[in-house]
Amino acid sequence: MLSIIPGATIRRTRHWIENTFDMAYQHIYYPLREMTFFSLEDLNWEIGFLLEHCNNTTLS
């Protein structure tokens, strides 16, 4: 079975995905760039902490 997806839907979906990625990048990567980690466990813990904080933030 072949499905045809209108171009406007693809553009809207792509825009939503790019915005979501940018938001995650700003809330997770930016704070990490000033930190120094000496183990992968520490890095993973901090990423998890920032991800949890990002997920619990109310968007306005």
PDB file of N, CA and C in Angstrom:
ATOM      1  N   MET A   1       0.841  -1.168   0.000  1.00  0.00           N
ATOM      2  CA  MET A   1       0.000   0.000   0.000  1.00  0.00           C
ATOM      3  C   MET A   1       0.889   1.235   0.000  1.00  0.00           C
ATOM      4  N   LEU A   2       0.569   2.194  -0.810  1.00  0.00           N
ATOM      5  CA  LEU A   2       1.328   3.429  -0.943  1.00  0.00           C
ATOM      6  C   LEU A   2       0.529   4.576  -0.352  1.00  0.00           C
ATOM      7  N   SER A   3       1.160   5.342   0.518  1.00  0.00           N
ATOM      8  CA  SER A   3       0.497   6.501   1.117  1.00  0.00           C
ATOM      9  C   SER A   3       1.140   7.765   0.588  1.00  0.00           C
ATOM     10  N   ILE A   4       0.331   8.746   0.323  1.00  0.00           N
ATOM     11  CA  ILE A   4       0.829  10.036  -0.145  1.00  0.00           C
ATOM     12  C   ILE A   4       0.612  11.046   0.970  1.00  0.00           C
ATOM     13  N   ILE A   5       1.703  11.713   1.355  1.00  0.00           N
ATOM     14  CA  ILE A   5       1.642  12.710   2.412  1.00  0.00           C
ATOM     15  C   ILE A   5       1.786  14.077   1.761  1.00  0.00           C
ATOM     16  N   PRO A   6       0.847  14.967   1.985  1.00  0.00           N
ATOM     17  CA  PRO A   6       0.941  16.299   1.394  1.00  0.00           C
ATOM     18  C   PRO A   6       2.211  17.023   1.834  1.00  0.00           C
ATOM     19  N   GLY A   7       2.759  17.831   0.945  1.00  0.00           N
ATOM     20  CA  GLY A   7       3.993  18.558   1.238  1.00  0.00           C
ATOM     21  C   GLY A   7       3.877  19.480   2.429  1.00  0.00           C
ATOM     22  N   ALA A   8       2.722  20.115   2.615  1.00  0.00           N
ATOM     23  CA  ALA A   8       2.543  21.022   3.742  1.00  0.00           C
ATOM     24  C   ALA A   8       2.674  20.275   5.069  1.00  0.00           C
ATOM     25  N   THR A   9       2.197  19.063   5.144  1.00  0.00           N
ATOM     26  CA  THR A   9       2.302  18.259   6.365  1.00  0.00           C
ATOM     27  C   THR A   9       3.754  17.927   6.663  1.00  0.00           C
ATOM     28  N   ILE A  10       4.504  17.590   5.641  1.00  0.00           N
ATOM     29  CA  ILE A  10       5.924  17.266   5.826  1.00  0.00           C
ATOM     30  C   ILE A  10       6.688  18.489   6.310  1.00  0.00           C
ATOM     31  N   ARG A  11       6.418  19.656   5.723  1.00  0.00           N
ATOM     32  CA  ARG A  11       7.105  20.878   6.143  1.00  0.00           C
ATOM     33  C   ARG A  11       6.760  21.229   7.590  1.00  0.00           C
ATOM     34  N   ARG A  12       5.490  21.080   7.970  1.00  0.00           N
ATOM     35  CA  ARG A  12       5.060  21.374   9.330  1.00  0.00           C
ATOM     36  C   ARG A  12       5.730  20.418  10.317  1.00  0.00           C
ATOM     37  N   THR A  13       5.781  19.146   9.960  1.00  0.00           N
ATOM     38  CA  THR A  13       6.406  18.147  10.828  1.00  0.00           C
ATOM     39  C   THR A  13       7.895  18.417  10.958  1.00  0.00           C
ATOM     40  N   ARG A  14       8.545  18.741   9.854  1.00  0.00           N
ATOM     41  CA  ARG A  14       9.979  19.027   9.884  1.00  0.00           C
ATOM     42  C   ARG A  14      10.254  20.247  10.757  1.00  0.00           C
ATOM     43  N   HIS A  15       9.430  21.268  10.637  1.00  0.00           N
ATOM     44  CA  HIS A  15       9.583  22.475  11.436  1.00  0.00           C
ATOM     45  C   HIS A  15       9.435  22.156  12.925  1.00  0.00           C
ATOM     46  N   TRP A  16       8.464  21.331  13.286  1.00  0.00           N
ATOM     47  CA  TRP A  16       8.243  20.942  14.673  1.00  0.00           C
ATOM     48  C   TRP A  16       9.448  20.169  15.213  1.00  0.00           C
ATOM     49  N   ILE A  17       9.969  19.250  14.418  1.00  0.00           N
ATOM     50  CA  ILE A  17      11.128  18.458  14.838  1.00  0.00           C
ATOM     51  C   ILE A  17      12.348  19.351  15.033  1.00  0.00           C
ATOM     52  N   GLU A  18      12.589  20.280  14.117  1.00  0.00           N
ATOM     53  CA  GLU A  18      13.735  21.183  14.235  1.00  0.00           C
ATOM     54  C   GLU A  18      13.607  22.075  15.463  1.00  0.00           C
ATOM     55  N   ASN A  19      12.408  22.571  15.754  1.00  0.00           N
ATOM     56  CA  ASN A  19      12.213  23.403  16.942  1.00  0.00           C
ATOM     57  C   ASN A  19      12.436  22.608  18.220  1.00  0.00           C
ATOM     58  N   THR A  20      11.961  21.372  18.243  1.00  0.00           N
ATOM     59  CA  THR A  20      12.148  20.520  19.415  1.00  0.00           C
ATOM     60  C   THR A  20      13.629  20.236  19.644  1.00  0.00           C
ATOM     61  N   PHE A  21      14.355  19.958  18.568  1.00  0.00           N
ATOM     62  CA  PHE A  21      15.791  19.705  18.675  1.00  0.00           C
ATOM     63  C   PHE A  21      16.513  20.951  19.181  1.00  0.00           C
ATOM     64  N   ASP A  22      16.174  22.125  18.644  1.00  0.00           N
ATOM     65  CA  ASP A  22      16.813  23.369  19.081  1.00  0.00           C
ATOM     66  C   ASP A  22      16.567  23.630  20.566  1.00  0.00           C
ATOM     67  N   MET A  23      15.341  23.370  21.020  1.00  0.00           N
ATOM     68  CA  MET A  23      15.011  23.586  22.424  1.00  0.00           C
ATOM     69  C   MET A  23      15.818  22.634  23.316  1.00  0.00           C
ATOM     70  N   ALA A  24      15.891  21.377  22.939  1.00  0.00           N
ATOM     71  CA  ALA A  24      16.670  20.413  23.717  1.00  0.00           C
ATOM     72  C   ALA A  24      18.156  20.787  23.711  1.00  0.00           C
ATOM     73  N   TYR A  25      18.650  21.223  22.579  1.00  0.00           N
ATOM     74  CA  TYR A  25      20.053  21.627  22.448  1.00  0.00           C
ATOM     75  C   TYR A  25      20.350  22.793  23.392  1.00  0.00           C
ATOM     76  N   GLN A  26      19.460  23.775  23.428  1.00  0.00           N
ATOM     77  CA  GLN A  26      19.672  24.946  24.280  1.00  0.00           C
ATOM     78  C   GLN A  26      19.588  24.601  25.761  1.00  0.00           C
ATOM     79  N   HIS A  27      18.694  23.697  26.133  1.00  0.00           N
ATOM     80  CA  HIS A  27      18.504  23.389  27.550  1.00  0.00           C
ATOM     81  C   HIS A  27      19.473  22.345  28.083  1.00  0.00           C
ATOM     82  N   ILE A  28      20.077  21.565  27.199  1.00  0.00           N
ATOM     83  CA  ILE A  28      20.977  20.504  27.655  1.00  0.00           C
ATOM     84  C   ILE A  28      22.432  20.801  27.279  1.00  0.00           C
ATOM     85  N   TYR A  29      22.695  21.104  26.024  1.00  0.00           N
ATOM     86  CA  TYR A  29      24.081  21.280  25.584  1.00  0.00           C
ATOM     87  C   TYR A  29      24.704  22.562  26.121  1.00  0.00           C
ATOM     88  N   TYR A  30      23.988  23.672  26.060  1.00  0.00           N
ATOM     89  CA  TYR A  30      24.561  24.944  26.491  1.00  0.00           C
ATOM     90  C   TYR A  30      25.080  24.911  27.914  1.00  0.00           C
ATOM     91  N   PRO A  31      24.319  24.398  28.890  1.00  0.00           N
ATOM     92  CA  PRO A  31      24.878  24.341  30.247  1.00  0.00           C
ATOM     93  C   PRO A  31      26.092  23.401  30.358  1.00  0.00           C
ATOM     94  N   LEU A  32      26.151  22.371  29.531  1.00  0.00           N
ATOM     95  CA  LEU A  32      27.252  21.397  29.609  1.00  0.00           C
ATOM     96  C   LEU A  32      28.567  21.936  29.057  1.00  0.00           C
ATOM     97  N   ARG A  33      28.495  22.890  28.171  1.00  0.00           N
ATOM     98  CA  ARG A  33      29.719  23.332  27.483  1.00  0.00           C
ATOM     99  C   ARG A  33      30.712  24.005  28.418  1.00  0.00           C
ATOM    100  N   GLU A  34      30.259  24.512  29.548  1.00  0.00           N
ATOM    101  CA  GLU A  34      31.157  25.167  30.503  1.00  0.00           C
ATOM    102  C   GLU A  34      31.651  24.215  31.587  1.00  0.00           C
ATOM    103  N   MET A  35      31.207  22.974  31.571  1.00  0.00           N
ATOM    104  CA  MET A  35      31.556  22.011  32.616  1.00  0.00           C
ATOM    105  C   MET A  35      32.651  21.064  32.138  1.00  0.00           C
ATOM    106  N   THR A  36      33.384  20.522  33.092  1.00  0.00           N
ATOM    107  CA  THR A  36      34.413  19.525  32.806  1.00  0.00           C
ATOM    108  C   THR A  36      34.019  18.227  33.496  1.00  0.00           C
ATOM    109  N   PHE A  37      34.075  17.137  32.760  1.00  0.00           N
ATOM    110  CA  PHE A  37      33.705  15.828  33.301  1.00  0.00           C
ATOM    111  C   PHE A  37      34.910  14.902  33.214  1.00  0.00           C
ATOM    112  N   PHE A  38      35.092  14.119  34.261  1.00  0.00           N
ATOM    113  CA  PHE A  38      36.222  13.212  34.315  1.00  0.00           C
ATOM    114  C   PHE A  38      35.808  11.758  34.125  1.00  0.00           C
ATOM    115  N   SER A  39      34.508  11.534  34.003  1.00  0.00           N
ATOM    116  CA  SER A  39      34.039  10.187  33.708  1.00  0.00           C
ATOM    117  C   SER A  39      32.753  10.268  32.901  1.00  0.00           C
ATOM    118  N   LEU A  40      32.490   9.225  32.159  1.00  0.00           N
ATOM    119  CA  LEU A  40      31.276   9.152  31.361  1.00  0.00           C
ATOM    120  C   LEU A  40      30.038   9.075  32.259  1.00  0.00           C
ATOM    121  N   GLU A  41      30.183   8.464  33.419  1.00  0.00           N
ATOM    122  CA  GLU A  41      29.067   8.388  34.371  1.00  0.00           C
ATOM    123  C   GLU A  41      28.639   9.774  34.832  1.00  0.00           C
ATOM    124  N   ASP A  42      29.623  10.640  35.109  1.00  0.00           N
ATOM    125  CA  ASP A  42      29.299  12.004  35.534  1.00  0.00           C
ATOM    126  C   ASP A  42      28.592  12.773  34.422  1.00  0.00           C
ATOM    127  N   LEU A  43      29.075  12.615  33.201  1.00  0.00           N
ATOM    128  CA  LEU A  43      28.446  13.276  32.063  1.00  0.00           C
ATOM    129  C   LEU A  43      27.019  12.781  31.872  1.00  0.00           C
ATOM    130  N   ASN A  44      26.828  11.470  31.921  1.00  0.00           N
ATOM    131  CA  ASN A  44      25.481  10.901  31.766  1.00  0.00           C
ATOM    132  C   ASN A  44      24.545  11.353  32.872  1.00  0.00           C
ATOM    133  N   TRP A  45      25.059  11.444  34.119  1.00  0.00           N
ATOM    134  CA  TRP A  45      24.225  11.895  35.221  1.00  0.00           C
ATOM    135  C   TRP A  45      23.767  13.333  34.984  1.00  0.00           C
ATOM    136  N   GLU A  46      24.679  14.201  34.559  1.00  0.00           N
ATOM    137  CA  GLU A  46      24.335  15.608  34.332  1.00  0.00           C
ATOM    138  C   GLU A  46      23.363  15.757  33.166  1.00  0.00           C
ATOM    139  N   ILE A  47      23.550  14.980  32.107  1.00  0.00           N
ATOM    140  CA  ILE A  47      22.609  15.004  30.979  1.00  0.00           C
ATOM    141  C   ILE A  47      21.226  14.558  31.468  1.00  0.00           C
ATOM    142  N   GLY A  48      21.171  13.519  32.257  1.00  0.00           N
ATOM    143  CA  GLY A  48      19.894  13.049  32.796  1.00  0.00           C
ATOM    144  C   GLY A  48      19.230  14.094  33.672  1.00  0.00           C
ATOM    145  N   PHE A  49      20.019  14.766  34.499  1.00  0.00           N
ATOM    146  CA  PHE A  49      19.487  15.811  35.362  1.00  0.00           C
ATOM    147  C   PHE A  49      18.911  16.957  34.532  1.00  0.00           C
ATOM    148  N   LEU A  50      19.661  17.417  33.521  1.00  0.00           N
ATOM    149  CA  LEU A  50      19.191  18.517  32.678  1.00  0.00           C
ATOM    150  C   LEU A  50      17.987  18.103  31.833  1.00  0.00           C
ATOM    151  N   LEU A  51      17.970  16.862  31.381  1.00  0.00           N
ATOM    152  CA  LEU A  51      16.830  16.365  30.608  1.00  0.00           C
ATOM    153  C   LEU A  51      15.577  16.315  31.477  1.00  0.00           C
ATOM    154  N   GLU A  52      15.724  15.850  32.706  1.00  0.00           N
ATOM    155  CA  GLU A  52      14.585  15.811  33.627  1.00  0.00           C
ATOM    156  C   GLU A  52      14.078  17.221  33.896  1.00  0.00           C
ATOM    157  N   HIS A  53      14.994  18.147  34.102  1.00  0.00           N
ATOM    158  CA  HIS A  53      14.602  19.540  34.336  1.00  0.00           C
ATOM    159  C   HIS A  53      13.896  20.104  33.104  1.00  0.00           C
ATOM    160  N   CYS A  54      14.396  19.809  31.928  1.00  0.00           N
ATOM    161  CA  CYS A  54      13.771  20.270  30.670  1.00  0.00           C
ATOM    162  C   CYS A  54      12.371  19.677  30.516  1.00  0.00           C
ATOM    163  N   ASN A  55      12.211  18.415  30.833  1.00  0.00           N
ATOM    164  CA  ASN A  55      10.908  17.753  30.696  1.00  0.00           C
ATOM    165  C   ASN A  55       9.892  18.285  31.701  1.00  0.00           C
ATOM    166  N   ASN A  56      10.338  18.754  32.853  1.00  0.00           N
ATOM    167  CA  ASN A  56       9.432  19.253  33.884  1.00  0.00           C
ATOM    168  C   ASN A  56       9.156  20.757  33.766  1.00  0.00           C
ATOM    169  N   THR A  57       9.809  21.414  32.824  1.00  0.00           N
ATOM    170  CA  THR A  57       9.609  22.852  32.638  1.00  0.00           C
ATOM    171  C   THR A  57       8.293  23.102  31.907  1.00  0.00           C
ATOM    172  N   THR A  58       7.504  24.024  32.433  1.00  0.00           N
ATOM    173  CA  THR A  58       6.248  24.394  31.805  1.00  0.00           C
ATOM    174  C   THR A  58       6.530  25.386  30.690  1.00  0.00           C
ATOM    175  N   LEU A  59       6.051  25.086  29.504  1.00  0.00           N
ATOM    176  CA  LEU A  59       6.236  25.984  28.368  1.00  0.00           C
ATOM    177  C   LEU A  59       5.124  27.015  28.350  1.00  0.00           C
ATOM    178  N   SER A  60       5.487  28.230  28.047  1.00  0.00           N
ATOM    179  CA  SER A  60       4.459  29.270  27.991  1.00  0.00           C
ATOM    180  C   SER A  60       4.368  29.864  26.611  1.00  0.00           C
TER     181      SER A  60
END
